[in-house]
Structures are given as C-alpha cells and as structure tokens.
C-alpha atoms as a PDB file:
ATOM      1  CA  UNK A   1    -113.217  33.036  14.342  1.00  0.00           C
ATOM      2  CA  UNK A   2    -110.280  34.895  13.983  1.00  0.00           C
ATOM      3  CA  UNK A   3    -108.198  33.590  17.633  1.00  0.00           C
ATOM      4  CA  UNK A   4    -109.261  30.098  16.203  1.00  0.00           C
ATOM      5  CA  UNK A   5    -107.768  30.787  12.724  1.00  0.00           C
ATOM      6  CA  UNK A   6    -104.732  32.538  14.065  1.00  0.00           C
ATOM      7  CA  UNK A   7    -104.157  29.512  16.557  1.00  0.00           C
ATOM      8  CA  UNK A   8    -104.597  27.012  13.918  1.00  0.00           C
ATOM      9  CA  UNK A   9    -102.194  28.678  11.767  1.00  0.00           C
ATOM     10  CA  UNK A  10     -99.495  28.871  14.491  1.00  0.00           C
ATOM     11  CA  UNK A  11    -100.108  25.326  15.762  1.00  0.00           C
ATOM     12  CA  UNK A  12     -99.320  23.800  12.159  1.00  0.00           C
ATOM     13  CA  UNK A  13     -96.525  26.269  11.841  1.00  0.00           C
ATOM     14  CA  UNK A  14     -94.575  24.859  14.945  1.00  0.00           C
ATOM     15  CA  UNK A  15     -95.962  21.111  13.769  1.00  0.00           C
ATOM     16  CA  UNK A  16     -93.788  21.703  10.659  1.00  0.00           C
ATOM     17  CA  UNK A  17     -90.908  23.544  12.038  1.00  0.00           C
ATOM     18  CA  UNK A  18     -90.306  21.280  14.989  1.00  0.00           C
ATOM     19  CA  UNK A  19     -89.708  17.851  13.329  1.00  0.00           C
ATOM     20  CA  UNK A  20     -87.134  19.555  10.812  1.00  0.00           C
ATOM     21  CA  UNK A  21     -84.982  21.365  13.479  1.00  0.00           C
ATOM     22  CA  UNK A  22     -85.129  17.500  15.169  1.00  0.00           C
ATOM     23  CA  UNK A  23     -84.084  15.774  12.138  1.00  0.00           C
ATOM     24  CA  UNK A  24     -81.516  18.042  11.539  1.00  0.00           C
ATOM     25  CA  UNK A  25     -80.040  17.608  15.114  1.00  0.00           C
ATOM     26  CA  UNK A  26     -79.643  13.734  14.229  1.00  0.00           C
ATOM     27  CA  UNK A  27     -78.177  13.856  10.945  1.00  0.00           C
ATOM     28  CA  UNK A  28     -75.283  16.486  13.039  1.00  0.00           C
ATOM     29  CA  UNK A  29     -74.233  14.300  15.924  1.00  0.00           C
ATOM     30  CA  UNK A  30     -72.415  15.736  18.537  1.00  0.00           C
ATOM     31  CA  UNK A  31     -68.688  15.169  19.439  1.00  0.00           C
ATOM     32  CA  UNK A  32     -69.642  12.864  22.763  1.00  0.00           C
ATOM     33  CA  UNK A  33     -72.167  10.849  20.666  1.00  0.00           C
ATOM     34  CA  UNK A  34     -69.809   9.745  17.945  1.00  0.00           C
ATOM     35  CA  UNK A  35     -67.164   8.905  20.492  1.00  0.00           C
ATOM     36  CA  UNK A  36     -69.675   6.799  22.428  1.00  0.00           C
ATOM     37  CA  UNK A  37     -70.580   4.951  19.182  1.00  0.00           C
ATOM     38  CA  UNK A  38     -66.931   4.728  18.245  1.00  0.00           C
ATOM     39  CA  UNK A  39     -66.409   3.121  21.970  1.00  0.00           C
ATOM     40  CA  UNK A  40     -69.015   0.728  21.576  1.00  0.00           C
ATOM     41  CA  UNK A  41     -67.822  -0.372  18.182  1.00  0.00           C
ATOM     42  CA  UNK A  42     -64.460  -1.333  20.060  1.00  0.00           C
ATOM     43  CA  UNK A  43     -66.059  -3.410  23.005  1.00  0.00           C
ATOM     44  CA  UNK A  44     -65.558  -0.614  25.542  1.00  0.00           C
ATOM     45  CA  UNK A  45     -68.972  -0.416  27.777  1.00  0.00           C
ATOM     46  CA  UNK A  46     -70.593   2.367  28.919  1.00  0.00           C
ATOM     47  CA  UNK A  47     -70.080   2.285  32.627  1.00  0.00           C
ATOM     48  CA  UNK A  48     -66.475   1.508  32.336  1.00  0.00           C
ATOM     49  CA  UNK A  49     -63.694   4.116  33.631  1.00  0.00           C
ATOM     50  CA  UNK A  50     -62.229   4.417  30.221  1.00  0.00           C
ATOM     51  CA  UNK A  51     -65.656   4.812  28.460  1.00  0.00           C
ATOM     52  CA  UNK A  52     -66.241   7.783  30.930  1.00  0.00           C
ATOM     53  CA  UNK A  53     -62.773   8.967  30.871  1.00  0.00           C
ATOM     54  CA  UNK A  54     -62.727   9.294  27.357  1.00  0.00           C
ATOM     55  CA  UNK A  55     -66.219  10.994  26.476  1.00  0.00           C
ATOM     56  CA  UNK A  56     -65.390  13.520  29.099  1.00  0.00           C
ATOM     57  CA  UNK A  57     -62.365  14.444  27.544  1.00  0.00           C
ATOM     58  CA  UNK A  58     -64.070  14.825  24.164  1.00  0.00           C
ATOM     59  CA  UNK A  59     -66.890  16.631  25.685  1.00  0.00           C
ATOM     60  CA  UNK A  60     -64.401  19.261  27.133  1.00  0.00           C
ATOM     61  CA  UNK A  61     -62.859  19.681  23.710  1.00  0.00           C
ATOM     62  CA  UNK A  62     -65.919  20.795  22.041  1.00  0.00           C
ATOM     63  CA  UNK A  63     -66.573  24.460  21.188  1.00  0.00           C
ATOM     64  CA  UNK A  64     -69.519  26.554  20.934  1.00  0.00           C
ATOM     65  CA  UNK A  65     -72.359  25.027  19.006  1.00  0.00           C
ATOM     66  CA  UNK A  66     -71.253  21.205  19.590  1.00  0.00           C
ATOM     67  CA  UNK A  67     -68.009  22.528  17.025  1.00  0.00           C
ATOM     68  CA  UNK A  68     -64.917  20.350  17.209  1.00  0.00           C
ATOM     69  CA  UNK A  69     -61.629  21.733  17.290  1.00  0.00           C
ATOM     70  CA  UNK A  70     -63.231  24.897  14.775  1.00  0.00           C
ATOM     71  CA  UNK A  71     -65.069  22.039  12.978  1.00  0.00           C
ATOM     72  CA  UNK A  72     -68.684  22.254  12.498  1.00  0.00           C
ATOM     73  CA  UNK A  73     -71.085  18.865  13.865  1.00  0.00           C
ATOM     74  CA  UNK A  74     -72.538  19.357  10.304  1.00  0.00           C
ATOM     75  CA  UNK A  75     -69.310  18.812   8.287  1.00  0.00           C
ATOM     76  CA  UNK A  76     -70.083  15.138   9.294  1.00  0.00           C
ATOM     77  CA  UNK A  77     -67.191  13.000   8.032  1.00  0.00           C
ATOM     78  CA  UNK A  78     -64.552  15.790   8.558  1.00  0.00           C
ATOM     79  CA  UNK A  79     -66.050  15.957  12.046  1.00  0.00           C
ATOM     80  CA  UNK A  80     -66.486  12.327  12.569  1.00  0.00           C
ATOM     81  CA  UNK A  81     -62.776  11.665  11.551  1.00  0.00           C
ATOM     82  CA  UNK A  82     -61.830  14.269  13.936  1.00  0.00           C
ATOM     83  CA  UNK A  83     -63.567  13.089  16.724  1.00  0.00           C
ATOM     84  CA  UNK A  84     -62.292   9.705  16.001  1.00  0.00           C
ATOM     85  CA  UNK A  85     -58.830  10.546  15.859  1.00  0.00           C
ATOM     86  CA  UNK A  86     -58.926  12.656  19.271  1.00  0.00           C
ATOM     87  CA  UNK A  87     -60.669   9.110  20.946  1.00  0.00           C
ATOM     88  CA  UNK A  88     -58.100   6.861  19.525  1.00  0.00           C
ATOM     89  CA  UNK A  89     -55.415   9.437  21.181  1.00  0.00           C
ATOM     90  CA  UNK A  90     -57.337   9.578  24.345  1.00  0.00           C
ATOM     91  CA  UNK A  91     -57.361   5.780  24.539  1.00  0.00           C
ATOM     92  CA  UNK A  92     -53.645   5.194  23.577  1.00  0.00           C
ATOM     93  CA  UNK A  93     -52.907   8.168  26.543  1.00  0.00           C
ATOM     94  CA  UNK A  94     -54.554   6.309  29.111  1.00  0.00           C
ATOM     95  CA  UNK A  95     -53.097   2.624  28.807  1.00  0.00           C
END
C-alpha cells in the first residue's frame, strides 16, 4: 500500500511540474524561433538560402541557456528587439 501511495504522489508531482516547465519554455522563445517568425512575417520562406543563413547566424550568436548578447530569453521585449535587430543586420549584410 505504501509503494502504491508513493507512486501516486510521485506521478501527480510530475504531472503538475512538467506542464509548468513546458509553459515557461513557450513564453520565452529562443532567438532562432523569433528570427524564423520575423522572417516569415517578411515573406521569406523557410527553405530559402536567406532563411537558412540568417537563422544559422542567429543560432551561432546565442550564448548559454539561450542568452542572446547577454540578454535572457525571458526578458521578452528586450530579447525580441535585439534578435530582430540582428536579423535585419544579417539581411542587409547578405544583400
């Protein structure tokens, strides 16, 4: 009986924690995701060379824990502006 109760408590704990961790990740998108979204808004298709090159450049600029130029992904507005600024610079450079 004790083992079943411990298993139930552990299962409920994991069930409660996993969705929260997933929700936080969705609220703090990483730089490549922001770059891809912005590029799509500009009409640049996912399979194009421009798309692949820009997303690659942005990915390489990321630091540990998805930081981008020392800004954390969950600092959403500043992070998003910084990523888009770098996407625009990459687009201008590739012309």
